[in-house]
């Protein structure tokens, strides 16, 4: 699980600059035993009406594409 955490964290670090460019940010909180990634959307991303799209179409799709074990990404 530690290896998956490191992989997810690296991908999130790749995504961060795009979110930061729009005044937002993202933080990895945890990965559950059933491979659900929990993140916190920060800054402008926390209140943006498009944050669900960003989360599902951006973050989740990239993570699932690169790490097939990932089941879902949720904001906490």
C-alpha atoms as a PDB file:
ATOM      1  CA  UNK A   1       0.000   0.000   0.000  1.00  0.00           C
ATOM      2  CA  UNK A   2       2.932   2.332   0.675  1.00  0.00           C
ATOM      3  CA  UNK A   3       4.042   2.060  -2.958  1.00  0.00           C
ATOM      4  CA  UNK A   4       0.540   2.981  -4.175  1.00  0.00           C
ATOM      5  CA  UNK A   5       0.479   5.944  -1.754  1.00  0.00           C
ATOM      6  CA  UNK A   6       3.779   7.173  -3.192  1.00  0.00           C
ATOM      7  CA  UNK A   7       2.521   6.765  -6.776  1.00  0.00           C
ATOM      8  CA  UNK A   8      -0.722   8.623  -6.010  1.00  0.00           C
ATOM      9  CA  UNK A   9       1.194  11.380  -4.251  1.00  0.00           C
ATOM     10  CA  UNK A  10       3.512  11.823  -7.258  1.00  0.00           C
ATOM     11  CA  UNK A  11       0.545  12.127  -9.631  1.00  0.00           C
ATOM     12  CA  UNK A  12      -1.155  14.628  -7.333  1.00  0.00           C
ATOM     13  CA  UNK A  13       2.059  16.653  -7.286  1.00  0.00           C
ATOM     14  CA  UNK A  14       1.924  16.694 -11.123  1.00  0.00           C
ATOM     15  CA  UNK A  15      -1.681  17.956 -11.040  1.00  0.00           C
ATOM     16  CA  UNK A  16      -1.121  20.645  -8.382  1.00  0.00           C
ATOM     17  CA  UNK A  17       0.390  23.323 -10.656  1.00  0.00           C
ATOM     18  CA  UNK A  18      -2.726  23.292 -12.862  1.00  0.00           C
ATOM     19  CA  UNK A  19      -5.003  23.789  -9.871  1.00  0.00           C
ATOM     20  CA  UNK A  20      -2.696  26.382  -8.327  1.00  0.00           C
ATOM     21  CA  UNK A  21      -2.762  28.371 -11.570  1.00  0.00           C
ATOM     22  CA  UNK A  22      -6.495  28.877 -10.967  1.00  0.00           C
ATOM     23  CA  UNK A  23      -6.080  29.726  -7.274  1.00  0.00           C
ATOM     24  CA  UNK A  24      -6.793  26.227  -5.979  1.00  0.00           C
ATOM     25  CA  UNK A  25      -4.885  23.303  -4.584  1.00  0.00           C
ATOM     26  CA  UNK A  26      -5.284  19.660  -3.624  1.00  0.00           C
ATOM     27  CA  UNK A  27      -4.003  17.622  -0.719  1.00  0.00           C
ATOM     28  CA  UNK A  28      -3.859  13.831  -0.429  1.00  0.00           C
ATOM     29  CA  UNK A  29      -5.527  12.753   2.806  1.00  0.00           C
ATOM     30  CA  UNK A  30      -5.540   8.950   2.633  1.00  0.00           C
ATOM     31  CA  UNK A  31      -6.037   5.851   0.537  1.00  0.00           C
ATOM     32  CA  UNK A  32      -8.457   3.333   2.020  1.00  0.00           C
ATOM     33  CA  UNK A  33      -7.886  -0.416   2.039  1.00  0.00           C
ATOM     34  CA  UNK A  34     -10.342  -0.719  -0.861  1.00  0.00           C
ATOM     35  CA  UNK A  35      -8.323   1.801  -2.921  1.00  0.00           C
ATOM     36  CA  UNK A  36     -10.527   4.870  -2.548  1.00  0.00           C
ATOM     37  CA  UNK A  37      -8.360   7.985  -2.650  1.00  0.00           C
ATOM     38  CA  UNK A  38      -9.468  10.757  -0.288  1.00  0.00           C
ATOM     39  CA  UNK A  39      -8.320  14.269  -1.121  1.00  0.00           C
ATOM     40  CA  UNK A  40      -9.049  17.749   0.136  1.00  0.00           C
ATOM     41  CA  UNK A  41      -9.668  20.502  -2.393  1.00  0.00           C
ATOM     42  CA  UNK A  42      -8.269  23.796  -1.156  1.00  0.00           C
ATOM     43  CA  UNK A  43      -8.434  27.467  -2.071  1.00  0.00           C
ATOM     44  CA  UNK A  44     -10.597  28.290  -5.067  1.00  0.00           C
ATOM     45  CA  UNK A  45     -11.132  24.561  -5.708  1.00  0.00           C
ATOM     46  CA  UNK A  46     -12.972  24.218  -2.406  1.00  0.00           C
ATOM     47  CA  UNK A  47     -15.778  26.529  -3.486  1.00  0.00           C
ATOM     48  CA  UNK A  48     -15.670  26.255  -7.271  1.00  0.00           C
ATOM     49  CA  UNK A  49     -18.870  24.993  -8.924  1.00  0.00           C
ATOM     50  CA  UNK A  50     -16.685  22.931 -11.280  1.00  0.00           C
ATOM     51  CA  UNK A  51     -14.757  21.184  -8.511  1.00  0.00           C
ATOM     52  CA  UNK A  52     -16.653  17.904  -8.981  1.00  0.00           C
ATOM     53  CA  UNK A  53     -15.713  17.884 -12.669  1.00  0.00           C
ATOM     54  CA  UNK A  54     -12.111  18.661 -11.785  1.00  0.00           C
ATOM     55  CA  UNK A  55     -12.117  15.865  -9.248  1.00  0.00           C
ATOM     56  CA  UNK A  56     -13.757  13.184 -11.412  1.00  0.00           C
ATOM     57  CA  UNK A  57     -12.669  14.086 -14.953  1.00  0.00           C
ATOM     58  CA  UNK A  58      -9.230  15.367 -14.030  1.00  0.00           C
ATOM     59  CA  UNK A  59      -7.820  13.847 -10.870  1.00  0.00           C
ATOM     60  CA  UNK A  60      -9.754  10.569 -10.787  1.00  0.00           C
ATOM     61  CA  UNK A  61      -9.332   9.763 -14.467  1.00  0.00           C
ATOM     62  CA  UNK A  62      -5.562  10.421 -14.352  1.00  0.00           C
ATOM     63  CA  UNK A  63      -5.107   8.324 -11.222  1.00  0.00           C
ATOM     64  CA  UNK A  64      -7.221   5.425 -12.525  1.00  0.00           C
ATOM     65  CA  UNK A  65      -5.438   5.544 -15.875  1.00  0.00           C
ATOM     66  CA  UNK A  66      -1.993   5.316 -14.281  1.00  0.00           C
ATOM     67  CA  UNK A  67      -2.873   3.136 -11.269  1.00  0.00           C
ATOM     68  CA  UNK A  68      -5.621   0.640 -12.223  1.00  0.00           C
ATOM     69  CA  UNK A  69      -6.154  -0.481  -8.606  1.00  0.00           C
ATOM     70  CA  UNK A  70      -7.693   2.918  -7.742  1.00  0.00           C
ATOM     71  CA  UNK A  71     -11.470   2.569  -7.473  1.00  0.00           C
ATOM     72  CA  UNK A  72     -12.555   6.166  -6.849  1.00  0.00           C
ATOM     73  CA  UNK A  73     -11.394   9.613  -5.766  1.00  0.00           C
ATOM     74  CA  UNK A  74     -13.523  11.501  -3.252  1.00  0.00           C
ATOM     75  CA  UNK A  75     -13.264  14.911  -1.650  1.00  0.00           C
ATOM     76  CA  UNK A  76     -13.376  15.099   2.133  1.00  0.00           C
END
